[in-house]
Amino acid sequence: MIHIHEVQRRAWANKVAKGLSGSAERSPDVPYEFALAYGELAEAFDAYRKNPEALEGELADVMIYLCGIASMCHIDLSEAVEHKLDVNEARNYRQNSHGNLVKE
């Protein structure tokens, strides 16, 4: 099993090796990477609806893009996810008038 730290390290190393990480003359294009990640998420949704066999690979692509973006922004995604899980586990919800759960 691979850990988030390793995914983030390898995603970044691949971007560097392929010249996709920017350089001294050109900084990483974070907005472009977000657009690509959004496209991968759309592909994952399309796979979920039309081609379930492809869903696994598409979800992996989404995670790889997110890990690359985290590296570009100098974020330790493993720590960020752990913190956010703690926040979410402590969060309380209530039902609104439509029966939907909303944060308190």
N, C-alpha and C. Protein backbone atom coordinates (compact mmCIF):
# COMPACT_ATOMS: atom_id res chain seq x y z
N MET A 1 0.85 -1.18 0.00
CA MET A 1 0.00 0.00 0.00
C MET A 1 0.90 1.24 0.00
N ILE A 2 0.48 2.24 -0.73
CA ILE A 2 1.25 3.48 -0.84
C ILE A 2 0.63 4.55 0.06
N HIS A 3 1.46 5.36 0.66
CA HIS A 3 0.99 6.43 1.54
C HIS A 3 0.92 7.75 0.77
N ILE A 4 0.13 8.67 1.28
CA ILE A 4 -0.04 9.96 0.60
C ILE A 4 1.30 10.66 0.39
N HIS A 5 2.19 10.60 1.38
CA HIS A 5 3.52 11.23 1.22
C HIS A 5 4.22 10.70 -0.04
N GLU A 6 4.15 9.39 -0.23
CA GLU A 6 4.82 8.77 -1.37
C GLU A 6 4.12 9.14 -2.68
N VAL A 7 2.80 9.18 -2.68
CA VAL A 7 2.07 9.60 -3.88
C VAL A 7 2.48 11.02 -4.24
N GLN A 8 2.50 11.90 -3.25
CA GLN A 8 2.86 13.29 -3.50
C GLN A 8 4.29 13.40 -4.01
N ARG A 9 5.20 12.65 -3.40
CA ARG A 9 6.60 12.69 -3.83
C ARG A 9 6.74 12.22 -5.27
N ARG A 10 6.09 11.11 -5.60
CA ARG A 10 6.22 10.55 -6.95
C ARG A 10 5.50 11.40 -7.99
N ALA A 11 4.34 11.97 -7.64
CA ALA A 11 3.63 12.84 -8.58
C ALA A 11 4.50 14.05 -8.92
N TRP A 12 5.14 14.62 -7.90
CA TRP A 12 6.02 15.78 -8.12
C TRP A 12 7.25 15.39 -8.92
N ALA A 13 7.86 14.26 -8.56
CA ALA A 13 9.05 13.80 -9.28
C ALA A 13 8.74 13.58 -10.76
N ASN A 14 7.56 13.06 -11.06
CA ASN A 14 7.17 12.86 -12.45
C ASN A 14 7.02 14.18 -13.18
N LYS A 15 6.41 15.17 -12.52
CA LYS A 15 6.27 16.50 -13.13
C LYS A 15 7.65 17.11 -13.42
N VAL A 16 8.57 16.97 -12.46
CA VAL A 16 9.92 17.51 -12.64
C VAL A 16 10.61 16.78 -13.79
N ALA A 17 10.53 15.46 -13.81
CA ALA A 17 11.20 14.67 -14.85
C ALA A 17 10.66 14.99 -16.24
N LYS A 18 9.39 15.31 -16.32
CA LYS A 18 8.77 15.59 -17.63
C LYS A 18 8.80 17.08 -17.98
N GLY A 19 9.36 17.91 -17.08
CA GLY A 19 9.43 19.35 -17.34
C GLY A 19 8.11 20.05 -17.15
N LEU A 20 7.22 19.48 -16.33
CA LEU A 20 5.90 20.06 -16.12
C LEU A 20 5.78 20.85 -14.82
N SER A 21 6.89 21.02 -14.12
CA SER A 21 6.84 21.62 -12.79
C SER A 21 7.24 23.09 -12.77
N GLY A 22 7.52 23.65 -13.93
CA GLY A 22 8.04 25.01 -13.97
C GLY A 22 9.56 24.97 -13.88
N SER A 23 10.15 26.14 -13.82
CA SER A 23 11.60 26.25 -13.76
C SER A 23 11.95 27.58 -13.15
N ALA A 24 13.22 27.90 -13.15
CA ALA A 24 13.64 29.20 -12.62
C ALA A 24 13.01 30.33 -13.43
N GLU A 25 12.81 30.10 -14.73
CA GLU A 25 12.23 31.13 -15.59
C GLU A 25 10.70 31.10 -15.59
N ARG A 26 10.13 29.97 -15.32
CA ARG A 26 8.67 29.80 -15.41
C ARG A 26 8.17 29.09 -14.16
N SER A 27 7.29 29.74 -13.44
CA SER A 27 6.76 29.12 -12.23
C SER A 27 5.69 28.10 -12.61
N PRO A 28 5.39 27.17 -11.71
CA PRO A 28 4.35 26.20 -12.01
C PRO A 28 3.02 26.90 -12.29
N ASP A 29 2.28 26.38 -13.24
CA ASP A 29 1.00 26.95 -13.62
C ASP A 29 -0.11 26.28 -12.82
N VAL A 30 -0.28 26.74 -11.59
CA VAL A 30 -1.24 26.11 -10.68
C VAL A 30 -2.67 26.20 -11.22
N PRO A 31 -3.13 27.36 -11.74
CA PRO A 31 -4.50 27.39 -12.29
C PRO A 31 -4.71 26.36 -13.40
N TYR A 32 -3.70 26.18 -14.24
CA TYR A 32 -3.80 25.18 -15.31
C TYR A 32 -3.91 23.78 -14.72
N GLU A 33 -3.14 23.50 -13.68
CA GLU A 33 -3.21 22.20 -13.02
C GLU A 33 -4.59 21.96 -12.41
N PHE A 34 -5.19 23.01 -11.83
CA PHE A 34 -6.56 22.88 -11.31
C PHE A 34 -7.52 22.53 -12.44
N ALA A 35 -7.36 23.17 -13.59
CA ALA A 35 -8.23 22.88 -14.73
C ALA A 35 -8.07 21.42 -15.17
N LEU A 36 -6.82 20.95 -15.21
CA LEU A 36 -6.59 19.55 -15.58
C LEU A 36 -7.19 18.60 -14.54
N ALA A 37 -7.05 18.94 -13.27
CA ALA A 37 -7.63 18.10 -12.21
C ALA A 37 -9.15 18.06 -12.32
N TYR A 38 -9.73 19.21 -12.63
CA TYR A 38 -11.19 19.28 -12.83
C TYR A 38 -11.60 18.38 -13.99
N GLY A 39 -10.82 18.40 -15.06
CA GLY A 39 -11.09 17.53 -16.20
C GLY A 39 -11.01 16.06 -15.82
N GLU A 40 -10.04 15.71 -15.00
CA GLU A 40 -9.91 14.33 -14.55
C GLU A 40 -11.10 13.92 -13.68
N LEU A 41 -11.58 14.84 -12.84
CA LEU A 41 -12.74 14.55 -12.01
C LEU A 41 -13.98 14.34 -12.89
N ALA A 42 -14.12 15.14 -13.94
CA ALA A 42 -15.22 14.96 -14.88
C ALA A 42 -15.11 13.60 -15.57
N GLU A 43 -13.90 13.21 -15.94
CA GLU A 43 -13.70 11.89 -16.55
C GLU A 43 -14.07 10.78 -15.58
N ALA A 44 -13.76 10.96 -14.29
CA ALA A 44 -14.12 9.96 -13.29
C ALA A 44 -15.64 9.85 -13.16
N PHE A 45 -16.33 10.98 -13.17
CA PHE A 45 -17.78 10.95 -13.09
C PHE A 45 -18.37 10.26 -14.32
N ASP A 46 -17.81 10.56 -15.48
CA ASP A 46 -18.27 9.93 -16.71
C ASP A 46 -18.03 8.42 -16.66
N ALA A 47 -16.89 8.01 -16.15
CA ALA A 47 -16.61 6.58 -16.00
C ALA A 47 -17.59 5.93 -15.04
N TYR A 48 -17.90 6.61 -13.95
CA TYR A 48 -18.86 6.08 -12.98
C TYR A 48 -20.20 5.79 -13.64
N ARG A 49 -20.62 6.70 -14.51
CA ARG A 49 -21.93 6.56 -15.15
C ARG A 49 -21.91 5.60 -16.34
N LYS A 50 -20.83 5.61 -17.11
CA LYS A 50 -20.84 4.91 -18.40
C LYS A 50 -19.86 3.76 -18.53
N ASN A 51 -18.80 3.77 -17.73
CA ASN A 51 -17.74 2.78 -17.89
C ASN A 51 -17.11 2.48 -16.53
N PRO A 52 -17.84 1.78 -15.66
CA PRO A 52 -17.35 1.55 -14.29
C PRO A 52 -15.97 0.90 -14.21
N GLU A 53 -15.58 0.15 -15.24
CA GLU A 53 -14.27 -0.49 -15.22
C GLU A 53 -13.14 0.54 -15.25
N ALA A 54 -13.42 1.72 -15.80
CA ALA A 54 -12.40 2.77 -15.91
C ALA A 54 -12.36 3.68 -14.69
N LEU A 55 -13.31 3.54 -13.78
CA LEU A 55 -13.41 4.46 -12.64
C LEU A 55 -12.16 4.44 -11.77
N GLU A 56 -11.62 3.28 -11.51
CA GLU A 56 -10.43 3.17 -10.64
C GLU A 56 -9.28 4.02 -11.16
N GLY A 57 -8.97 3.91 -12.42
CA GLY A 57 -7.88 4.66 -13.01
C GLY A 57 -8.15 6.16 -13.03
N GLU A 58 -9.40 6.52 -13.28
CA GLU A 58 -9.74 7.94 -13.31
C GLU A 58 -9.64 8.57 -11.92
N LEU A 59 -10.08 7.85 -10.89
CA LEU A 59 -9.94 8.36 -9.53
C LEU A 59 -8.48 8.48 -9.14
N ALA A 60 -7.66 7.54 -9.59
CA ALA A 60 -6.22 7.63 -9.34
C ALA A 60 -5.64 8.87 -10.00
N ASP A 61 -6.08 9.17 -11.23
CA ASP A 61 -5.61 10.38 -11.92
C ASP A 61 -5.97 11.63 -11.11
N VAL A 62 -7.18 11.67 -10.56
CA VAL A 62 -7.60 12.83 -9.76
C VAL A 62 -6.66 13.00 -8.57
N MET A 63 -6.37 11.90 -7.88
CA MET A 63 -5.50 12.00 -6.70
C MET A 63 -4.10 12.44 -7.08
N ILE A 64 -3.59 11.92 -8.20
CA ILE A 64 -2.25 12.29 -8.65
C ILE A 64 -2.19 13.78 -8.96
N TYR A 65 -3.21 14.31 -9.63
CA TYR A 65 -3.23 15.75 -9.91
C TYR A 65 -3.30 16.56 -8.62
N LEU A 66 -4.13 16.13 -7.67
CA LEU A 66 -4.23 16.86 -6.40
C LEU A 66 -2.90 16.84 -5.65
N CYS A 67 -2.22 15.72 -5.69
CA CYS A 67 -0.91 15.64 -5.03
C CYS A 67 0.10 16.55 -5.71
N GLY A 68 0.06 16.64 -7.02
CA GLY A 68 0.94 17.55 -7.74
C GLY A 68 0.67 19.00 -7.39
N ILE A 69 -0.61 19.36 -7.32
CA ILE A 69 -0.98 20.73 -6.95
C ILE A 69 -0.51 21.04 -5.53
N ALA A 70 -0.69 20.08 -4.63
CA ALA A 70 -0.23 20.29 -3.25
C ALA A 70 1.27 20.54 -3.21
N SER A 71 2.03 19.80 -3.99
CA SER A 71 3.48 20.01 -4.04
C SER A 71 3.80 21.39 -4.58
N MET A 72 3.12 21.79 -5.66
CA MET A 72 3.36 23.12 -6.24
C MET A 72 3.08 24.23 -5.24
N CYS A 73 2.14 23.99 -4.34
CA CYS A 73 1.74 25.00 -3.35
C CYS A 73 2.43 24.79 -2.00
N HIS A 74 3.39 23.85 -1.95
CA HIS A 74 4.17 23.57 -0.73
C HIS A 74 3.27 23.16 0.43
N ILE A 75 2.32 22.28 0.14
CA ILE A 75 1.40 21.76 1.15
C ILE A 75 1.69 20.28 1.36
N ASP A 76 1.84 19.89 2.62
CA ASP A 76 1.96 18.47 2.96
C ASP A 76 0.54 17.92 2.99
N LEU A 77 0.14 17.25 1.91
CA LEU A 77 -1.24 16.80 1.78
C LEU A 77 -1.60 15.77 2.83
N SER A 78 -0.66 14.96 3.24
CA SER A 78 -0.93 13.97 4.28
C SER A 78 -1.36 14.65 5.58
N GLU A 79 -0.61 15.67 5.98
CA GLU A 79 -0.97 16.42 7.19
C GLU A 79 -2.29 17.15 7.01
N ALA A 80 -2.50 17.73 5.83
CA ALA A 80 -3.74 18.47 5.57
C ALA A 80 -4.96 17.55 5.63
N VAL A 81 -4.84 16.36 5.07
CA VAL A 81 -5.95 15.41 5.08
C VAL A 81 -6.23 14.94 6.51
N GLU A 82 -5.16 14.65 7.24
CA GLU A 82 -5.35 14.21 8.63
C GLU A 82 -6.06 15.29 9.44
N HIS A 83 -5.63 16.54 9.28
CA HIS A 83 -6.28 17.64 10.00
C HIS A 83 -7.75 17.77 9.59
N LYS A 84 -8.01 17.70 8.29
CA LYS A 84 -9.38 17.87 7.82
C LYS A 84 -10.28 16.73 8.28
N LEU A 85 -9.75 15.51 8.34
CA LEU A 85 -10.54 14.40 8.87
C LEU A 85 -10.91 14.65 10.33
N ASP A 86 -9.96 15.17 11.12
CA ASP A 86 -10.25 15.50 12.51
C ASP A 86 -11.36 16.55 12.60
N VAL A 87 -11.28 17.57 11.76
CA VAL A 87 -12.30 18.63 11.74
C VAL A 87 -13.66 18.04 11.38
N ASN A 88 -13.68 17.22 10.33
CA ASN A 88 -14.95 16.64 9.88
C ASN A 88 -15.56 15.71 10.91
N GLU A 89 -14.73 14.94 11.59
CA GLU A 89 -15.23 14.02 12.62
C GLU A 89 -15.82 14.77 13.81
N ALA A 90 -15.34 15.96 14.09
CA ALA A 90 -15.84 16.75 15.22
C ALA A 90 -17.05 17.61 14.83
N ARG A 91 -17.33 17.71 13.56
CA ARG A 91 -18.41 18.58 13.06
C ARG A 91 -19.77 17.94 13.33
N ASN A 92 -20.73 18.78 13.67
CA ASN A 92 -22.11 18.34 13.89
C ASN A 92 -23.00 18.82 12.75
N TYR A 93 -24.01 18.04 12.46
CA TYR A 93 -24.95 18.36 11.40
C TYR A 93 -26.37 18.33 11.95
N ARG A 94 -27.24 19.03 11.27
CA ARG A 94 -28.67 19.01 11.60
C ARG A 94 -29.44 18.96 10.30
N GLN A 95 -30.67 18.51 10.37
CA GLN A 95 -31.51 18.50 9.17
C GLN A 95 -32.18 19.85 9.00
N ASN A 96 -32.17 20.35 7.76
CA ASN A 96 -32.88 21.59 7.48
C ASN A 96 -34.34 21.28 7.14
N SER A 97 -35.08 22.28 6.78
CA SER A 97 -36.52 22.09 6.52
C SER A 97 -36.79 21.20 5.31
N HIS A 98 -35.79 20.98 4.46
CA HIS A 98 -35.94 20.12 3.29
C HIS A 98 -35.47 18.69 3.57
N GLY A 99 -35.01 18.44 4.79
CA GLY A 99 -34.54 17.12 5.16
C GLY A 99 -33.07 16.87 4.84
N ASN A 100 -32.37 17.87 4.35
CA ASN A 100 -30.95 17.75 4.03
C ASN A 100 -30.11 18.02 5.26
N LEU A 101 -28.99 17.33 5.36
CA LEU A 101 -28.07 17.60 6.47
C LEU A 101 -27.22 18.83 6.13
N VAL A 102 -27.11 19.75 7.11
CA VAL A 102 -26.30 20.94 6.96
C VAL A 102 -25.42 21.09 8.20
N LYS A 103 -24.26 21.73 8.02
CA LYS A 103 -23.36 21.97 9.14
C LYS A 103 -24.02 22.91 10.13
N GLU A 104 -23.77 22.63 11.42
CA GLU A 104 -24.26 23.55 12.46
C GLU A 104 -23.31 24.69 12.64
